[in-house]
C-alpha atoms as a PDB file:
ATOM      1  CA  MET A   1     -62.606  24.677  50.116  1.00  0.00           C
ATOM      2  CA  LYS A   2     -60.576  24.453  46.958  1.00  0.00           C
ATOM      3  CA  ASN A   3     -57.442  26.572  46.615  1.00  0.00           C
ATOM      4  CA  ILE A   4     -56.895  26.040  42.868  1.00  0.00           C
ATOM      5  CA  ILE A   5     -58.782  26.885  39.681  1.00  0.00           C
ATOM      6  CA  GLN A   6     -57.482  24.494  37.048  1.00  0.00           C
ATOM      7  CA  PHE A   7     -57.242  25.306  33.323  1.00  0.00           C
ATOM      8  CA  SER A   8     -56.469  23.135  30.333  1.00  0.00           C
ATOM      9  CA  ILE A   9     -54.567  24.737  27.434  1.00  0.00           C
ATOM     10  CA  SER A  10     -54.424  23.415  23.892  1.00  0.00           C
ATOM     11  CA  LYS A  11     -53.080  24.767  20.623  1.00  0.00           C
ATOM     12  CA  GLY A  12     -55.691  25.422  17.963  1.00  0.00           C
ATOM     13  CA  GLU A  13     -54.944  26.106  14.307  1.00  0.00           C
ATOM     14  CA  LYS A  14     -54.020  29.736  14.992  1.00  0.00           C
ATOM     15  CA  ASN A  15     -54.465  30.411  18.728  1.00  0.00           C
ATOM     16  CA  TYR A  16     -53.891  28.931  22.134  1.00  0.00           C
ATOM     17  CA  ILE A  17     -57.173  28.034  23.837  1.00  0.00           C
ATOM     18  CA  ALA A  18     -57.805  27.718  27.575  1.00  0.00           C
ATOM     19  CA  HIS A  19     -60.811  26.504  29.508  1.00  0.00           C
ATOM     20  CA  ALA A  20     -61.374  26.011  33.208  1.00  0.00           C
ATOM     21  CA  ILE A  21     -62.022  22.454  34.312  1.00  0.00           C
ATOM     22  CA  ASP A  22     -64.755  23.160  36.901  1.00  0.00           C
ATOM     23  CA  PHE A  23     -66.105  26.542  35.781  1.00  0.00           C
ATOM     24  CA  PRO A  24     -67.477  27.966  32.508  1.00  0.00           C
ATOM     25  CA  ILE A  25     -64.417  30.110  31.820  1.00  0.00           C
ATOM     26  CA  PHE A  26     -62.960  30.126  28.280  1.00  0.00           C
ATOM     27  CA  THR A  27     -60.391  32.358  26.569  1.00  0.00           C
ATOM     28  CA  GLN A  28     -57.866  32.362  23.740  1.00  0.00           C
ATOM     29  CA  ALA A  29     -54.794  34.283  22.554  1.00  0.00           C
ATOM     30  CA  ASN A  30     -52.026  34.326  19.958  1.00  0.00           C
ATOM     31  CA  THR A  31     -49.202  33.675  22.448  1.00  0.00           C
ATOM     32  CA  LEU A  32     -48.868  31.879  25.762  1.00  0.00           C
ATOM     33  CA  ASP A  33     -47.987  35.137  27.549  1.00  0.00           C
ATOM     34  CA  GLU A  34     -51.172  36.754  26.236  1.00  0.00           C
ATOM     35  CA  LEU A  35     -53.140  33.650  27.180  1.00  0.00           C
ATOM     36  CA  ILE A  36     -51.963  33.783  30.805  1.00  0.00           C
ATOM     37  CA  ALA A  37     -53.057  37.427  31.022  1.00  0.00           C
ATOM     38  CA  ASN A  38     -56.400  36.509  29.432  1.00  0.00           C
ATOM     39  CA  ILE A  39     -56.907  33.629  31.894  1.00  0.00           C
ATOM     40  CA  ARG A  40     -56.423  36.018  34.814  1.00  0.00           C
ATOM     41  CA  GLU A  41     -58.790  38.576  33.285  1.00  0.00           C
ATOM     42  CA  ALA A  42     -61.459  36.002  32.378  1.00  0.00           C
ATOM     43  CA  THR A  43     -61.315  34.485  35.872  1.00  0.00           C
ATOM     44  CA  ASN A  44     -61.677  37.897  37.531  1.00  0.00           C
ATOM     45  CA  LEU A  45     -64.596  38.752  35.234  1.00  0.00           C
ATOM     46  CA  HIS A  46     -66.312  35.424  35.934  1.00  0.00           C
ATOM     47  CA  PHE A  47     -66.176  35.992  39.685  1.00  0.00           C
ATOM     48  CA  SER A  48     -66.649  39.787  39.631  1.00  0.00           C
ATOM     49  CA  ASP A  49     -70.220  39.645  40.952  1.00  0.00           C
ATOM     50  CA  GLU A  50     -69.677  37.019  43.627  1.00  0.00           C
ATOM     51  CA  ASP A  51     -67.387  36.027  46.429  1.00  0.00           C
ATOM     52  CA  PHE A  52     -65.005  33.155  45.617  1.00  0.00           C
ATOM     53  CA  THR A  53     -66.262  31.327  48.715  1.00  0.00           C
ATOM     54  CA  GLN A  54     -69.774  31.113  47.223  1.00  0.00           C
ATOM     55  CA  SER A  55     -68.278  28.809  44.574  1.00  0.00           C
ATOM     56  CA  GLY A  56     -66.435  26.636  47.099  1.00  0.00           C
ATOM     57  CA  LEU A  57     -63.087  28.379  46.619  1.00  0.00           C
ATOM     58  CA  SER A  58     -60.755  29.993  49.074  1.00  0.00           C
ATOM     59  CA  GLN A  59     -60.694  33.789  49.076  1.00  0.00           C
ATOM     60  CA  THR A  60     -57.406  33.859  47.107  1.00  0.00           C
ATOM     61  CA  PRO A  61     -57.303  30.805  44.803  1.00  0.00           C
ATOM     62  CA  SER A  62     -54.296  30.003  42.642  1.00  0.00           C
ATOM     63  CA  LEU A  63     -54.499  29.313  38.918  1.00  0.00           C
ATOM     64  CA  PHE A  64     -53.075  26.016  37.675  1.00  0.00           C
ATOM     65  CA  VAL A  65     -52.655  25.310  33.948  1.00  0.00           C
ATOM     66  CA  ASN A  66     -52.091  22.084  32.030  1.00  0.00           C
ATOM     67  CA  PHE A  67     -50.698  22.391  28.529  1.00  0.00           C
ATOM     68  CA  GLU A  68     -51.505  19.636  26.033  1.00  0.00           C
ATOM     69  CA  ILE A  69     -48.559  18.754  23.794  1.00  0.00           C
ATOM     70  CA  PRO A  70     -49.738  16.809  20.732  1.00  0.00           C
END
């Protein structure tokens, strides 16, 4: 079982954009603090109808983010 959901963050023209590496989870925000909150919310919404273990994750996975610096 995996213990981490990994996200990649990049800076768009106006917003920060995040997407999960292994799951169809996408979000964006004006600031990095807002983006972190949005990542948590989007992840919870994505898994709201299923148990994490059904997706090969531990019951309490951590979120890991990579930030691309151009």
